[in-house]
C-alpha cells in the first residue's frame, strides 16, 4: 500500500517587480482554498455530499429490492426506500462529524465538514431534523418493523463511536444488517402493520453481508487507519494477507452471500 506524504506550504523568492522590490510566491496547501471557501448556496449540495450519498442510495435500493422480491406493494416499496435513505443519511452525517479531526488531518477529499465548508452545528441540526423525520417514517412501516429499523440505525450510530478501532469493528455492521430482515418481514403500510418474524437463515446471511460490506468500506482508508494506530478487523486482515487479497476475498464473500440470500429467500421466503 502506497503512503501519500503531504508537504507543507513553501515560500520562494520571486523576481523583482517594476519598483525593484522583490515579490514572494507562496504555494498553498491543497486544502487551504477549500477551508476558506464560503459555501453560500452550495450548502445543500455539501450536506448531500457529507451524507455519503453513494452508500445511502445503494443500501436503500438494495433493501427496497429485497422488499420487491418479497412481494411488497408499490407504495410500500416507496416507503421502504424513503425510510432507509433517511436513516443512511443520518449515519453518513454522524460519521463525518465523528471523523472530522481525522479527515482533516489526512486531508481527505469530499469531506466538507472536515474542511470547514460546513459548520458542524449546521450538520448536527440537520441530523436532529432527519431523526425527527426518520421516526414517523419508520413507524409508518409498522411499529415492530419501525422499531427494528430504528434499532439498526442506533447500532450504526454507536458503531461510529465505539468498537470500530479494534477486533470487534465488524459487530455493529453485522447487528445492524441482521435487523433489516425484521424491518422487512414485520413491515407493511401504516402503524398497525404486523407481519411475521423473519427466517433465521435470512437474518444470519444478512449479518454476514454486513461483515462483507464493512471490510469493503474500510479498504480505501487502510493507510490512514494504520498511521493512526487503529487495528480493526479489515486492517488486521490486510496486514496479514495484503490489501489486494483482502479486496478479492471480501468481494467474493459479499457476492456469495448475496447469491445465498437470493437462493434461500426463493426457497423459504423472507418471513417464517
C-alpha atoms as a PDB file:
ATOM      1  CA  UNK A   1       0.000   0.000   0.000  1.00  0.00           C
ATOM      2  CA  UNK A   2       1.384   3.352  -1.005  1.00  0.00           C
ATOM      3  CA  UNK A   3       1.571   6.110   1.581  1.00  0.00           C
ATOM      4  CA  UNK A   4       0.916   9.634   0.346  1.00  0.00           C
ATOM      5  CA  UNK A   5       3.169  12.154   2.030  1.00  0.00           C
ATOM      6  CA  UNK A   6       1.746  15.601   2.443  1.00  0.00           C
ATOM      7  CA  UNK A   7       4.003  18.606   2.063  1.00  0.00           C
ATOM      8  CA  UNK A   8       3.847  21.860   3.963  1.00  0.00           C
ATOM      9  CA  UNK A   9       3.397  25.214   2.195  1.00  0.00           C
ATOM     10  CA  UNK A  10       6.684  26.570   0.841  1.00  0.00           C
ATOM     11  CA  UNK A  11       7.728  30.162   0.267  1.00  0.00           C
ATOM     12  CA  UNK A  12      10.167  31.036  -2.504  1.00  0.00           C
ATOM     13  CA  UNK A  13      11.693  34.311  -3.581  1.00  0.00           C
ATOM     14  CA  UNK A  14      10.312  35.866  -6.790  1.00  0.00           C
ATOM     15  CA  UNK A  15      11.649  38.188  -9.434  1.00  0.00           C
ATOM     16  CA  UNK A  16      11.856  41.953  -8.721  1.00  0.00           C
ATOM     17  CA  UNK A  17       8.819  43.972  -9.729  1.00  0.00           C
ATOM     18  CA  UNK A  18       8.759  47.327 -11.532  1.00  0.00           C
ATOM     19  CA  UNK A  19       9.784  49.201  -8.401  1.00  0.00           C
ATOM     20  CA  UNK A  20      12.739  46.903  -7.825  1.00  0.00           C
ATOM     21  CA  UNK A  21      11.183  45.261  -4.785  1.00  0.00           C
ATOM     22  CA  UNK A  22      11.176  41.528  -4.635  1.00  0.00           C
ATOM     23  CA  UNK A  23       7.909  39.611  -4.782  1.00  0.00           C
ATOM     24  CA  UNK A  24       7.122  36.497  -2.835  1.00  0.00           C
ATOM     25  CA  UNK A  25       5.335  33.454  -4.269  1.00  0.00           C
ATOM     26  CA  UNK A  26       3.501  31.272  -1.815  1.00  0.00           C
ATOM     27  CA  UNK A  27       2.432  27.697  -2.547  1.00  0.00           C
ATOM     28  CA  UNK A  28      -0.765  26.964  -0.708  1.00  0.00           C
ATOM     29  CA  UNK A  29      -1.640  23.691   0.957  1.00  0.00           C
ATOM     30  CA  UNK A  30      -4.177  21.801  -1.203  1.00  0.00           C
ATOM     31  CA  UNK A  31      -6.861  22.131   1.483  1.00  0.00           C
ATOM     32  CA  UNK A  32      -6.315  25.819   2.258  1.00  0.00           C
ATOM     33  CA  UNK A  33      -8.537  27.144  -0.519  1.00  0.00           C
ATOM     34  CA  UNK A  34     -11.296  24.719   0.389  1.00  0.00           C
ATOM     35  CA  UNK A  35     -11.243  25.724   4.040  1.00  0.00           C
ATOM     36  CA  UNK A  36     -11.506  29.421   3.243  1.00  0.00           C
ATOM     37  CA  UNK A  37     -14.404  28.909   0.843  1.00  0.00           C
ATOM     38  CA  UNK A  38     -17.831  30.137   1.862  1.00  0.00           C
ATOM     39  CA  UNK A  39     -20.469  27.568   0.831  1.00  0.00           C
ATOM     40  CA  UNK A  40     -23.347  30.015   0.321  1.00  0.00           C
ATOM     41  CA  UNK A  41     -25.992  28.443  -1.843  1.00  0.00           C
ATOM     42  CA  UNK A  42     -23.879  25.287  -2.163  1.00  0.00           C
ATOM     43  CA  UNK A  43     -24.852  24.356   1.405  1.00  0.00           C
ATOM     44  CA  UNK A  44     -27.485  21.768   0.374  1.00  0.00           C
ATOM     45  CA  UNK A  45     -25.029  20.232  -2.107  1.00  0.00           C
ATOM     46  CA  UNK A  46     -22.364  19.970   0.578  1.00  0.00           C
ATOM     47  CA  UNK A  47     -24.868  18.445   3.004  1.00  0.00           C
ATOM     48  CA  UNK A  48     -25.701  15.862   0.370  1.00  0.00           C
ATOM     49  CA  UNK A  49     -22.002  15.141  -0.103  1.00  0.00           C
ATOM     50  CA  UNK A  50     -21.496  14.688   3.649  1.00  0.00           C
ATOM     51  CA  UNK A  51     -24.374  12.189   3.790  1.00  0.00           C
ATOM     52  CA  UNK A  52     -22.322   9.507   1.979  1.00  0.00           C
ATOM     53  CA  UNK A  53     -24.894   9.505  -0.846  1.00  0.00           C
ATOM     54  CA  UNK A  54     -23.499   6.564  -2.798  1.00  0.00           C
ATOM     55  CA  UNK A  55     -23.659   4.203   0.170  1.00  0.00           C
ATOM     56  CA  UNK A  56     -27.079   5.590   1.141  1.00  0.00           C
ATOM     57  CA  UNK A  57     -28.559   5.034  -2.313  1.00  0.00           C
ATOM     58  CA  UNK A  58     -27.030   1.571  -2.746  1.00  0.00           C
ATOM     59  CA  UNK A  59     -28.301   0.439   0.652  1.00  0.00           C
ATOM     60  CA  UNK A  60     -31.775   1.899   0.130  1.00  0.00           C
ATOM     61  CA  UNK A  61     -32.114   0.405  -3.344  1.00  0.00           C
ATOM     62  CA  UNK A  62     -30.864  -2.953  -2.062  1.00  0.00           C
ATOM     63  CA  UNK A  63     -33.376  -3.078   0.801  1.00  0.00           C
ATOM     64  CA  UNK A  64     -36.194  -1.865  -1.452  1.00  0.00           C
ATOM     65  CA  UNK A  65     -35.207  -4.526  -3.996  1.00  0.00           C
ATOM     66  CA  UNK A  66     -35.449  -7.183  -1.287  1.00  0.00           C
ATOM     67  CA  UNK A  67     -38.893  -5.833  -0.388  1.00  0.00           C
ATOM     68  CA  UNK A  68     -39.904  -6.069  -4.044  1.00  0.00           C
ATOM     69  CA  UNK A  69     -38.783  -9.697  -4.206  1.00  0.00           C
ATOM     70  CA  UNK A  70     -40.889 -10.324  -1.100  1.00  0.00           C
ATOM     71  CA  UNK A  71     -43.962  -9.108  -2.997  1.00  0.00           C
ATOM     72  CA  UNK A  72     -44.499  -5.764  -1.288  1.00  0.00           C
ATOM     73  CA  UNK A  73     -46.808  -3.223  -2.968  1.00  0.00           C
ATOM     74  CA  UNK A  74     -45.515  -0.183  -4.851  1.00  0.00           C
ATOM     75  CA  UNK A  75     -46.436   2.308  -2.131  1.00  0.00           C
ATOM     76  CA  UNK A  76     -44.745   0.100   0.463  1.00  0.00           C
ATOM     77  CA  UNK A  77     -41.602  -0.017  -1.679  1.00  0.00           C
ATOM     78  CA  UNK A  78     -41.569   3.778  -1.795  1.00  0.00           C
ATOM     79  CA  UNK A  79     -41.922   3.936   1.979  1.00  0.00           C
ATOM     80  CA  UNK A  80     -39.102   1.439   2.499  1.00  0.00           C
ATOM     81  CA  UNK A  81     -36.869   3.356   0.102  1.00  0.00           C
ATOM     82  CA  UNK A  82     -37.530   6.706   1.809  1.00  0.00           C
ATOM     83  CA  UNK A  83     -37.053   5.271   5.298  1.00  0.00           C
ATOM     84  CA  UNK A  84     -33.711   3.653   4.516  1.00  0.00           C
ATOM     85  CA  UNK A  85     -32.454   6.716   2.616  1.00  0.00           C
ATOM     86  CA  UNK A  86     -33.092   8.989   5.591  1.00  0.00           C
ATOM     87  CA  UNK A  87     -31.566   6.503   8.026  1.00  0.00           C
ATOM     88  CA  UNK A  88     -28.438   6.128   5.917  1.00  0.00           C
ATOM     89  CA  UNK A  89     -28.104   9.905   5.588  1.00  0.00           C
ATOM     90  CA  UNK A  90     -28.199  10.207   9.385  1.00  0.00           C
ATOM     91  CA  UNK A  91     -25.411   7.631   9.638  1.00  0.00           C
ATOM     92  CA  UNK A  92     -23.343   9.395   6.987  1.00  0.00           C
ATOM     93  CA  UNK A  93     -23.607  12.832   8.592  1.00  0.00           C
ATOM     94  CA  UNK A  94     -22.833  11.413  12.010  1.00  0.00           C
ATOM     95  CA  UNK A  95     -19.805   9.562  10.653  1.00  0.00           C
ATOM     96  CA  UNK A  96     -18.347  12.741   9.144  1.00  0.00           C
ATOM     97  CA  UNK A  97     -18.920  14.625  12.400  1.00  0.00           C
ATOM     98  CA  UNK A  98     -17.204  11.929  14.448  1.00  0.00           C
ATOM     99  CA  UNK A  99     -14.301  11.645  11.983  1.00  0.00           C
ATOM    100  CA  UNK A 100     -13.902  15.389  11.445  1.00  0.00           C
ATOM    101  CA  UNK A 101     -10.452  15.654  13.039  1.00  0.00           C
ATOM    102  CA  UNK A 102      -9.074  12.553  11.323  1.00  0.00           C
ATOM    103  CA  UNK A 103     -10.461  13.546   7.925  1.00  0.00           C
ATOM    104  CA  UNK A 104      -8.842  16.963   8.286  1.00  0.00           C
ATOM    105  CA  UNK A 105      -5.510  15.529   9.433  1.00  0.00           C
ATOM    106  CA  UNK A 106      -5.358  13.259   6.380  1.00  0.00           C
ATOM    107  CA  UNK A 107      -6.760  15.940   4.045  1.00  0.00           C
ATOM    108  CA  UNK A 108      -9.367  13.518   2.718  1.00  0.00           C
ATOM    109  CA  UNK A 109     -11.291  14.829  -0.304  1.00  0.00           C
ATOM    110  CA  UNK A 110     -15.057  15.053  -0.353  1.00  0.00           C
ATOM    111  CA  UNK A 111     -15.280  15.872   3.367  1.00  0.00           C
ATOM    112  CA  UNK A 112     -16.912  19.321   3.654  1.00  0.00           C
ATOM    113  CA  UNK A 113     -17.251  19.093   7.446  1.00  0.00           C
ATOM    114  CA  UNK A 114     -13.530  18.424   7.905  1.00  0.00           C
ATOM    115  CA  UNK A 115     -12.547  21.275   5.564  1.00  0.00           C
ATOM    116  CA  UNK A 116     -14.846  23.796   7.295  1.00  0.00           C
ATOM    117  CA  UNK A 117     -17.132  24.136   4.289  1.00  0.00           C
ATOM    118  CA  UNK A 118     -19.976  23.025   6.548  1.00  0.00           C
ATOM    119  CA  UNK A 119     -20.366  24.201  10.114  1.00  0.00           C
ATOM    120  CA  UNK A 120     -20.622  21.198  12.483  1.00  0.00           C
ATOM    121  CA  UNK A 121     -23.543  22.886  14.258  1.00  0.00           C
ATOM    122  CA  UNK A 122     -25.440  23.014  10.980  1.00  0.00           C
ATOM    123  CA  UNK A 123     -24.814  19.321  10.395  1.00  0.00           C
ATOM    124  CA  UNK A 124     -25.893  18.414  13.950  1.00  0.00           C
ATOM    125  CA  UNK A 125     -29.080  20.394  13.414  1.00  0.00           C
ATOM    126  CA  UNK A 126     -29.649  18.542  10.128  1.00  0.00           C
ATOM    127  CA  UNK A 127     -29.108  15.207  11.885  1.00  0.00           C
ATOM    128  CA  UNK A 128     -31.680  16.162  14.539  1.00  0.00           C
ATOM    129  CA  UNK A 129     -34.229  17.145  11.891  1.00  0.00           C
ATOM    130  CA  UNK A 130     -33.573  13.935   9.938  1.00  0.00           C
ATOM    131  CA  UNK A 131     -34.094  11.832  13.083  1.00  0.00           C
ATOM    132  CA  UNK A 132     -37.392  13.606  13.729  1.00  0.00           C
ATOM    133  CA  UNK A 133     -38.390  12.626  10.179  1.00  0.00           C
ATOM    134  CA  UNK A 134     -36.999   9.108  10.469  1.00  0.00           C
ATOM    135  CA  UNK A 135     -39.090   8.140  13.498  1.00  0.00           C
ATOM    136  CA  UNK A 136     -42.536   8.605  11.869  1.00  0.00           C
ATOM    137  CA  UNK A 137     -41.254   7.209   8.570  1.00  0.00           C
ATOM    138  CA  UNK A 138     -40.072   4.057  10.339  1.00  0.00           C
ATOM    139  CA  UNK A 139     -43.268   3.625  12.366  1.00  0.00           C
ATOM    140  CA  UNK A 140     -45.298   4.078   9.157  1.00  0.00           C
ATOM    141  CA  UNK A 141     -43.892   0.651   8.151  1.00  0.00           C
ATOM    142  CA  UNK A 142     -45.483  -0.848  11.281  1.00  0.00           C
ATOM    143  CA  UNK A 143     -44.480  -0.449  14.906  1.00  0.00           C
ATOM    144  CA  UNK A 144     -42.356  -3.606  15.142  1.00  0.00           C
ATOM    145  CA  UNK A 145     -40.783  -3.025  11.749  1.00  0.00           C
ATOM    146  CA  UNK A 146     -40.106   0.625  12.561  1.00  0.00           C
ATOM    147  CA  UNK A 147     -38.510  -0.188  15.897  1.00  0.00           C
ATOM    148  CA  UNK A 148     -36.321  -2.776  14.153  1.00  0.00           C
ATOM    149  CA  UNK A 149     -35.030  -0.196  11.703  1.00  0.00           C
ATOM    150  CA  UNK A 150     -34.572   2.494  14.352  1.00  0.00           C
ATOM    151  CA  UNK A 151     -32.557  -0.005  16.391  1.00  0.00           C
ATOM    152  CA  UNK A 152     -30.449  -0.788  13.305  1.00  0.00           C
ATOM    153  CA  UNK A 153     -29.685   2.922  12.882  1.00  0.00           C
ATOM    154  CA  UNK A 154     -28.940   3.296  16.600  1.00  0.00           C
ATOM    155  CA  UNK A 155     -26.463   0.414  16.411  1.00  0.00           C
ATOM    156  CA  UNK A 156     -24.841   2.073  13.407  1.00  0.00           C
ATOM    157  CA  UNK A 157     -24.521   5.372  15.290  1.00  0.00           C
ATOM    158  CA  UNK A 158     -22.986   3.537  18.233  1.00  0.00           C
ATOM    159  CA  UNK A 159     -20.615   1.804  15.839  1.00  0.00           C
ATOM    160  CA  UNK A 160     -19.407   5.199  14.609  1.00  0.00           C
ATOM    161  CA  UNK A 161     -18.163   5.886  18.137  1.00  0.00           C
ATOM    162  CA  UNK A 162     -17.167   2.583  19.755  1.00  0.00           C
ATOM    163  CA  UNK A 163     -15.792  -0.828  18.696  1.00  0.00           C
ATOM    164  CA  UNK A 164     -14.643   0.494  15.312  1.00  0.00           C
ATOM    165  CA  UNK A 165     -10.970   0.643  16.287  1.00  0.00           C
ATOM    166  CA  UNK A 166     -10.461  -2.958  17.377  1.00  0.00           C
ATOM    167  CA  UNK A 167     -11.219  -6.608  16.765  1.00  0.00           C
ATOM    168  CA  UNK A 168     -14.989  -6.172  17.051  1.00  0.00           C
ATOM    169  CA  UNK A 169     -15.322  -3.462  14.388  1.00  0.00           C
ATOM    170  CA  UNK A 170     -17.475  -5.892  12.399  1.00  0.00           C
ATOM    171  CA  UNK A 171     -20.063  -6.337  15.162  1.00  0.00           C
ATOM    172  CA  UNK A 172     -22.159  -3.146  14.651  1.00  0.00           C
ATOM    173  CA  UNK A 173     -22.300  -3.866  10.912  1.00  0.00           C
ATOM    174  CA  UNK A 174     -23.416  -7.453  11.492  1.00  0.00           C
ATOM    175  CA  UNK A 175     -26.089  -6.463  14.022  1.00  0.00           C
ATOM    176  CA  UNK A 176     -27.498  -3.555  12.019  1.00  0.00           C
ATOM    177  CA  UNK A 177     -27.703  -5.636   8.825  1.00  0.00           C
ATOM    178  CA  UNK A 178     -29.245  -8.556  10.743  1.00  0.00           C
ATOM    179  CA  UNK A 179     -32.101  -6.249  11.774  1.00  0.00           C
ATOM    180  CA  UNK A 180     -33.010  -5.392   8.177  1.00  0.00           C
ATOM    181  CA  UNK A 181     -34.890  -8.675   7.501  1.00  0.00           C
ATOM    182  CA  UNK A 182     -37.038  -7.948  10.580  1.00  0.00           C
ATOM    183  CA  UNK A 183     -37.714  -4.462   9.248  1.00  0.00           C
ATOM    184  CA  UNK A 184     -38.995  -6.016   6.017  1.00  0.00           C
ATOM    185  CA  UNK A 185     -40.761  -9.100   7.354  1.00  0.00           C
ATOM    186  CA  UNK A 186     -42.725  -7.207  10.006  1.00  0.00           C
ATOM    187  CA  UNK A 187     -43.335  -4.269   7.684  1.00  0.00           C
ATOM    188  CA  UNK A 188     -46.352  -3.164   5.738  1.00  0.00           C
ATOM    189  CA  UNK A 189     -48.320   0.044   5.277  1.00  0.00           C
ATOM    190  CA  UNK A 190     -49.333   2.029   8.344  1.00  0.00           C
ATOM    191  CA  UNK A 191     -48.511   1.723  12.001  1.00  0.00           C
ATOM    192  CA  UNK A 192     -50.921  -1.155  12.500  1.00  0.00           C
ATOM    193  CA  UNK A 193     -48.995  -3.448  10.102  1.00  0.00           C
ATOM    194  CA  UNK A 194     -47.809  -6.528  11.980  1.00  0.00           C
ATOM    195  CA  UNK A 195     -46.199  -9.014   9.589  1.00  0.00           C
ATOM    196  CA  UNK A 196     -44.316 -12.074  10.770  1.00  0.00           C
ATOM    197  CA  UNK A 197     -40.833 -12.858  12.174  1.00  0.00           C
ATOM    198  CA  UNK A 198     -38.031 -13.190   9.601  1.00  0.00           C
ATOM    199  CA  UNK A 199     -36.476 -16.512   8.662  1.00  0.00           C
ATOM    200  CA  UNK A 200     -33.433 -17.228  10.822  1.00  0.00           C
ATOM    201  CA  UNK A 201     -31.332 -18.187   7.801  1.00  0.00           C
ATOM    202  CA  UNK A 202     -32.099 -14.846   6.135  1.00  0.00           C
ATOM    203  CA  UNK A 203     -31.149 -12.996   9.308  1.00  0.00           C
ATOM    204  CA  UNK A 204     -27.817 -14.827   9.586  1.00  0.00           C
ATOM    205  CA  UNK A 205     -26.994 -14.209   5.936  1.00  0.00           C
ATOM    206  CA  UNK A 206     -27.857 -10.530   6.308  1.00  0.00           C
ATOM    207  CA  UNK A 207     -25.409 -10.322   9.231  1.00  0.00           C
ATOM    208  CA  UNK A 208     -22.702 -11.944   7.100  1.00  0.00           C
ATOM    209  CA  UNK A 209     -23.438  -9.445   4.343  1.00  0.00           C
ATOM    210  CA  UNK A 210     -22.883  -6.616   6.826  1.00  0.00           C
ATOM    211  CA  UNK A 211     -19.438  -8.004   7.664  1.00  0.00           C
ATOM    212  CA  UNK A 212     -18.512  -8.123   3.981  1.00  0.00           C
ATOM    213  CA  UNK A 213     -19.701  -4.563   3.398  1.00  0.00           C
ATOM    214  CA  UNK A 214     -17.704  -3.416   6.427  1.00  0.00           C
ATOM    215  CA  UNK A 215     -14.474  -4.855   5.028  1.00  0.00           C
ATOM    216  CA  UNK A 216     -15.067  -3.373   1.571  1.00  0.00           C
ATOM    217  CA  UNK A 217     -15.912   0.033   3.018  1.00  0.00           C
ATOM    218  CA  UNK A 218     -12.781   0.053   5.188  1.00  0.00           C
ATOM    219  CA  UNK A 219     -10.286  -0.800   2.436  1.00  0.00           C
ATOM    220  CA  UNK A 220      -9.818   2.722   0.936  1.00  0.00           C
ATOM    221  CA  UNK A 221      -8.801   4.136   4.319  1.00  0.00           C
ATOM    222  CA  UNK A 222      -6.407   1.414   5.459  1.00  0.00           C
ATOM    223  CA  UNK A 223      -3.242   3.508   5.111  1.00  0.00           C
ATOM    224  CA  UNK A 224      -4.672   6.371   7.167  1.00  0.00           C
ATOM    225  CA  UNK A 225      -6.075   3.964   9.762  1.00  0.00           C
ATOM    226  CA  UNK A 226      -2.697   2.267  10.088  1.00  0.00           C
ATOM    227  CA  UNK A 227      -0.987   5.629  10.611  1.00  0.00           C
ATOM    228  CA  UNK A 228      -3.497   6.463  13.341  1.00  0.00           C
ATOM    229  CA  UNK A 229      -2.830   3.200  15.164  1.00  0.00           C
ATOM    230  CA  UNK A 230      -6.232   1.607  14.551  1.00  0.00           C
ATOM    231  CA  UNK A 231      -6.389  -2.190  14.490  1.00  0.00           C
ATOM    232  CA  UNK A 232      -9.875  -3.031  13.251  1.00  0.00           C
ATOM    233  CA  UNK A 233     -10.623  -6.343  11.564  1.00  0.00           C
ATOM    234  CA  UNK A 234     -10.128  -5.235   7.902  1.00  0.00           C
ATOM    235  CA  UNK A 235      -6.754  -3.663   8.742  1.00  0.00           C
ATOM    236  CA  UNK A 236      -5.593  -6.753  10.644  1.00  0.00           C
ATOM    237  CA  UNK A 237      -6.546  -8.891   7.664  1.00  0.00           C
ATOM    238  CA  UNK A 238      -4.748  -6.553   5.241  1.00  0.00           C
ATOM    239  CA  UNK A 239      -1.571  -6.532   7.341  1.00  0.00           C
ATOM    240  CA  UNK A 240      -1.570 -10.308   7.358  1.00  0.00           C
ATOM    241  CA  UNK A 241      -2.761 -11.097   3.820  1.00  0.00           C
ATOM    242  CA  UNK A 242      -2.242  -7.890   1.849  1.00  0.00           C
ATOM    243  CA  UNK A 243      -4.851  -5.345   0.825  1.00  0.00           C
ATOM    244  CA  UNK A 244      -5.311  -6.744  -2.689  1.00  0.00           C
ATOM    245  CA  UNK A 245      -6.034 -10.242  -1.431  1.00  0.00           C
ATOM    246  CA  UNK A 246      -8.460  -8.884   1.179  1.00  0.00           C
ATOM    247  CA  UNK A 247     -10.272  -6.953  -1.562  1.00  0.00           C
ATOM    248  CA  UNK A 248     -10.674 -10.113  -3.641  1.00  0.00           C
ATOM    249  CA  UNK A 249     -11.786 -12.205  -0.671  1.00  0.00           C
ATOM    250  CA  UNK A 250     -14.220  -9.585   0.625  1.00  0.00           C
ATOM    251  CA  UNK A 251     -15.712  -9.100  -2.841  1.00  0.00           C
ATOM    252  CA  UNK A 252     -16.141 -12.857  -3.269  1.00  0.00           C
ATOM    253  CA  UNK A 253     -17.604 -13.143   0.268  1.00  0.00           C
ATOM    254  CA  UNK A 254     -20.127 -10.381  -0.390  1.00  0.00           C
ATOM    255  CA  UNK A 255     -21.132 -11.750  -3.784  1.00  0.00           C
ATOM    256  CA  UNK A 256     -21.599 -15.281  -2.420  1.00  0.00           C
ATOM    257  CA  UNK A 257     -23.712 -14.015   0.480  1.00  0.00           C
ATOM    258  CA  UNK A 258     -25.937 -12.045  -1.911  1.00  0.00           C
ATOM    259  CA  UNK A 259     -26.406 -15.173  -4.048  1.00  0.00           C
ATOM    260  CA  UNK A 260     -27.170 -17.208  -0.921  1.00  0.00           C
ATOM    261  CA  UNK A 261     -29.740 -14.621   0.157  1.00  0.00           C
ATOM    262  CA  UNK A 262     -31.461 -14.878  -3.205  1.00  0.00           C
ATOM    263  CA  UNK A 263     -31.459 -18.688  -3.152  1.00  0.00           C
ATOM    264  CA  UNK A 264     -32.634 -19.013   0.454  1.00  0.00           C
ATOM    265  CA  UNK A 265     -35.211 -16.260   0.003  1.00  0.00           C
ATOM    266  CA  UNK A 266     -36.579 -18.024  -3.071  1.00  0.00           C
ATOM    267  CA  UNK A 267     -36.671 -21.354  -1.208  1.00  0.00           C
ATOM    268  CA  UNK A 268     -38.165 -20.391   2.154  1.00  0.00           C
ATOM    269  CA  UNK A 269     -39.201 -16.766   1.737  1.00  0.00           C
ATOM    270  CA  UNK A 270     -38.428 -13.772   3.925  1.00  0.00           C
ATOM    271  CA  UNK A 271     -40.843 -14.482   6.780  1.00  0.00           C
ATOM    272  CA  UNK A 272     -41.499 -17.550   8.901  1.00  0.00           C
END
